[in-house]
Protein backbone atom coordinates (compact mmCIF):
# COMPACT_ATOMS: atom_id res chain seq x y z
CA UNK A 1 -12.94 -33.64 -9.50
CA UNK A 2 -9.99 -33.96 -7.12
CA UNK A 3 -8.65 -30.53 -8.10
CA UNK A 4 -12.08 -28.98 -7.57
CA UNK A 5 -12.35 -30.63 -4.14
CA UNK A 6 -8.92 -29.37 -3.10
CA UNK A 7 -9.84 -25.89 -4.18
CA UNK A 8 -13.02 -26.15 -2.16
CA UNK A 9 -11.18 -27.36 0.95
CA UNK A 10 -8.54 -24.64 0.60
CA UNK A 11 -11.26 -22.04 0.15
CA UNK A 12 -13.08 -23.24 3.25
CA UNK A 13 -9.85 -23.12 5.29
CA UNK A 14 -9.23 -19.57 4.09
CA UNK A 15 -12.73 -18.49 5.06
CA UNK A 16 -12.35 -20.01 8.54
CA UNK A 17 -8.95 -18.34 9.05
CA UNK A 18 -10.33 -15.01 7.82
CA UNK A 19 -13.29 -15.22 10.21
CA UNK A 20 -10.99 -16.04 13.13
CA UNK A 21 -8.70 -13.13 12.32
CA UNK A 22 -11.69 -10.81 12.17
CA UNK A 23 -12.85 -11.89 15.63
CA UNK A 24 -9.41 -11.75 17.26
CA UNK A 25 -8.34 -8.32 16.02
CA UNK A 26 -11.70 -6.52 15.66
CA UNK A 27 -10.80 -4.77 12.42
CA UNK A 28 -12.83 -1.82 11.27
CA UNK A 29 -13.63 -4.24 8.44
CA UNK A 30 -12.12 -7.44 7.09
CA UNK A 31 -14.08 -8.70 4.11
CA UNK A 32 -14.96 -12.27 3.28
CA UNK A 33 -11.96 -14.33 2.22
CA UNK A 34 -9.42 -11.65 3.18
CA UNK A 35 -6.48 -12.58 5.37
CA UNK A 36 -3.10 -11.35 6.58
CA UNK A 37 -0.84 -14.38 6.59
CA UNK A 38 1.05 -14.86 9.88
CA UNK A 39 3.32 -13.80 11.34
CA UNK A 40 2.36 -10.13 11.20
CA UNK A 41 2.14 -7.01 13.35
CA UNK A 42 -1.02 -4.92 13.45
CA UNK A 43 -1.39 -1.60 15.27
CA UNK A 44 -4.93 -0.19 15.75
CA UNK A 45 -6.90 -2.82 13.85
CA UNK A 46 -10.12 -0.86 14.40
CA UNK A 47 -8.72 1.86 12.14
CA UNK A 48 -8.04 -0.67 9.34
CA UNK A 49 -10.70 -1.43 6.71
CA UNK A 50 -9.99 -4.24 4.24
CA UNK A 51 -12.39 -5.37 1.51
CA UNK A 52 -13.17 -8.89 0.32
CA UNK A 53 -10.76 -11.36 -1.24
CA UNK A 54 -7.57 -9.50 -0.33
CA UNK A 55 -4.46 -11.46 0.66
CA UNK A 56 -1.52 -9.84 2.48
CA UNK A 57 1.71 -11.81 2.80
CA UNK A 58 3.55 -12.78 6.00
CA UNK A 59 5.86 -10.58 8.08
CA UNK A 60 3.81 -7.51 7.24
CA UNK A 61 3.47 -4.46 9.50
CA UNK A 62 0.30 -2.38 9.39
CA UNK A 63 1.19 0.46 11.76
CA UNK A 64 -1.83 2.74 12.08
CA UNK A 65 -0.82 5.04 14.92
CA UNK A 66 -3.41 6.81 17.08
CA UNK A 67 -1.12 8.06 19.87
CA UNK A 68 2.56 8.98 19.91
CA UNK A 69 4.46 11.09 22.46
CA UNK A 70 1.27 12.68 23.73
CA UNK A 71 -0.10 13.53 20.27
CA UNK A 72 -3.39 11.99 19.15
CA UNK A 73 -4.31 11.06 15.58
CA UNK A 74 -7.40 9.71 13.77
CA UNK A 75 -5.81 7.62 11.01
CA UNK A 76 -7.51 5.37 8.48
CA UNK A 77 -6.00 2.59 6.39
CA UNK A 78 -8.30 1.32 3.64
CA UNK A 79 -7.46 -1.56 1.31
CA UNK A 80 -9.99 -2.56 -1.33
CA UNK A 81 -11.27 -5.83 -2.77
CA UNK A 82 -9.22 -8.55 -4.46
CA UNK A 83 -5.77 -7.09 -3.75
CA UNK A 84 -2.67 -9.27 -3.69
CA UNK A 85 0.10 -7.92 -1.45
CA UNK A 86 3.46 -9.63 -0.95
CA UNK A 87 5.42 -10.41 2.19
CA UNK A 88 7.17 -7.78 4.33
CA UNK A 89 4.59 -5.13 3.42
CA UNK A 90 4.93 -2.06 5.65
CA UNK A 91 2.43 0.76 6.11
CA UNK A 92 3.06 3.78 8.36
CA UNK A 93 -0.16 5.74 8.80
CA UNK A 94 -1.20 8.60 11.08
CA UNK A 95 -3.57 10.26 8.59
CA UNK A 96 -4.95 8.42 5.56
CA UNK A 97 -3.66 5.65 3.31
CA UNK A 98 -6.06 4.26 0.71
CA UNK A 99 -5.40 1.33 -1.62
CA UNK A 100 -8.04 0.62 -4.24
CA UNK A 101 -9.45 -2.58 -5.72
CA UNK A 102 -7.40 -5.23 -7.56
CA UNK A 103 -4.08 -3.65 -6.65
CA UNK A 104 -0.98 -5.83 -6.92
CA UNK A 105 1.92 -5.06 -4.57
CA UNK A 106 5.17 -7.04 -4.60
CA UNK A 107 7.24 -8.01 -1.55
CA UNK A 108 9.11 -5.51 0.63
CA UNK A 109 7.05 -2.49 -0.39
CA UNK A 110 6.61 0.51 1.94
CA UNK A 111 3.80 3.07 1.96
CA UNK A 112 3.69 5.92 4.47
CA UNK A 113 1.93 9.22 5.07
CA UNK A 114 4.26 10.39 7.85
CA UNK A 115 7.86 10.92 8.88
CA UNK A 116 9.57 11.29 12.23
CA UNK A 117 10.27 14.90 13.10
CA UNK A 118 13.92 15.96 13.15
CA UNK A 119 13.77 19.71 13.82
CA UNK A 120 14.99 19.60 17.43
CA UNK A 121 18.68 19.18 16.75
CA UNK A 122 19.69 18.08 20.26
CA UNK A 123 16.95 15.46 20.56
CA UNK A 124 17.11 11.89 19.25
CA UNK A 125 14.86 11.37 16.23
CA UNK A 126 13.05 8.52 17.99
CA UNK A 127 11.98 10.99 20.70
CA UNK A 128 10.54 13.53 18.26
CA UNK A 129 6.90 13.64 17.15
CA UNK A 130 5.47 12.14 14.00
CA UNK A 131 4.55 14.65 11.30
CA UNK A 132 1.64 14.41 8.85
CA UNK A 133 2.95 14.83 5.32
CA UNK A 134 -0.14 14.14 3.21
CA UNK A 135 -2.51 11.28 2.48
CA UNK A 136 -1.45 8.48 0.13
CA UNK A 137 -3.75 6.94 -2.47
CA UNK A 138 -3.13 3.95 -4.72
CA UNK A 139 -5.94 3.76 -7.27
CA UNK A 140 -7.63 0.68 -8.70
CA UNK A 141 -5.59 -1.76 -10.74
CA UNK A 142 -2.17 -0.29 -9.99
CA UNK A 143 1.02 -2.31 -9.52
CA UNK A 144 3.86 -1.56 -7.08
CA UNK A 145 7.09 -3.46 -7.69
CA UNK A 146 9.40 -5.22 -5.28
CA UNK A 147 11.30 -2.98 -2.82
CA UNK A 148 9.39 0.12 -3.93
CA UNK A 149 8.76 3.03 -1.55
CA UNK A 150 5.74 5.33 -1.75
CA UNK A 151 6.23 8.50 0.26
CA UNK A 152 3.67 10.86 1.82
CA UNK A 153 1.29 12.95 -0.26
CA UNK A 154 1.49 10.70 -3.34
CA UNK A 155 -1.34 9.46 -5.54
CA UNK A 156 -0.62 6.52 -7.83
CA UNK A 157 -3.13 6.55 -10.66
CA UNK A 158 -5.32 3.83 -12.04
CA UNK A 159 -3.46 0.91 -13.67
CA UNK A 160 -0.12 2.67 -13.15
CA UNK A 161 3.09 0.67 -12.74
CA UNK A 162 5.76 1.49 -10.15
CA UNK A 163 9.02 -0.25 -11.02
CA UNK A 164 11.13 -2.36 -8.68
CA UNK A 165 13.07 -0.30 -6.16
CA UNK A 166 11.44 2.98 -7.17
CA UNK A 167 11.16 5.81 -4.63
CA UNK A 168 7.93 7.64 -5.43
CA UNK A 169 7.98 11.25 -4.25
CA UNK A 170 5.40 12.76 -6.64
CA UNK A 171 2.05 11.72 -8.11
CA UNK A 172 2.09 9.00 -10.76
CA UNK A 173 -0.42 9.53 -13.61
CA UNK A 174 -2.86 6.79 -14.50
CA UNK A 175 -1.74 4.39 -17.24
CA UNK A 176 1.94 5.24 -16.87
CA UNK A 177 5.13 3.49 -15.77
CA UNK A 178 7.64 5.06 -13.39
CA UNK A 179 11.04 3.90 -12.20
CA UNK A 180 14.12 5.17 -10.39
CA UNK A 181 14.98 7.34 -7.38
CA UNK A 182 13.23 9.71 -7.43
CA UNK A 183 10.70 7.97 -9.68
CA UNK A 184 10.19 9.47 -13.13
CA UNK A 185 7.93 8.55 -16.04
CA UNK A 186 9.52 6.13 -18.51
CA UNK A 187 6.41 5.04 -20.38
CA UNK A 188 2.89 6.42 -20.78
CA UNK A 189 -0.15 5.20 -22.68
CA UNK A 190 -1.62 7.73 -25.11
CA UNK A 191 -5.29 6.99 -25.74
CA UNK A 192 -5.51 9.31 -28.74
CA UNK A 193 -2.69 7.48 -30.49
CA UNK A 194 -3.65 4.17 -28.88
CA UNK A 195 -0.06 3.27 -28.13
CA UNK A 196 2.58 3.42 -25.41
CA UNK A 197 4.91 6.42 -25.56
CA UNK A 198 8.47 5.98 -24.37
CA UNK A 199 11.55 8.13 -23.81
CA UNK A 200 11.11 11.88 -24.24
CA UNK A 201 7.54 11.49 -25.45
CA UNK A 202 6.55 9.78 -22.19
CA UNK A 203 8.16 12.44 -20.01
CA UNK A 204 11.48 10.66 -19.44
CA UNK A 205 13.80 12.72 -17.26
CA UNK A 206 10.92 14.49 -15.55
CA UNK A 207 9.67 13.66 -12.13
CA UNK A 208 6.36 11.85 -12.05
CA UNK A 209 3.88 14.63 -11.33
């Protein structure tokens, strides 16, 4: 009984905190029971849509940029239902970043659909415009390991696993495991054989594409 009561009290506190966060920041959407644990930094909350039951850890930065150096963007960050995202999560978005339902992301992960321009050789990078490099999509049920980086234009497939410290530069197929820099496939589930393939049979040595 005591454990059930504590759970109920904790759940009520979470709902109250979630409601307050929704009112303060005016998100595009922040579903029931979802919360970004403080401290955090949010840019353009109205361009951020988060489903229900999603928890994002402290010290996270959701940078959804609508204006930079005179350029205007219409970005969208969408995070689905029941996601668990660790601390120090960083998103850089000027176009489209979509994270599906029941996605698990470890601490210190980065996802971005943009880079700073660098083409003007006599101009500091910080003074150059942001460049769109392709939308990012993380499909339902995927896992992104600690310190992983997901770069622009990448889709991570359903129930895929991105290993710790991986730098993902190409698409990751559903039901596969990638690791390394750049990330490559080290394991893949074969539904015909109903088993995991490893090594050469999984595409080891090839970039995840």
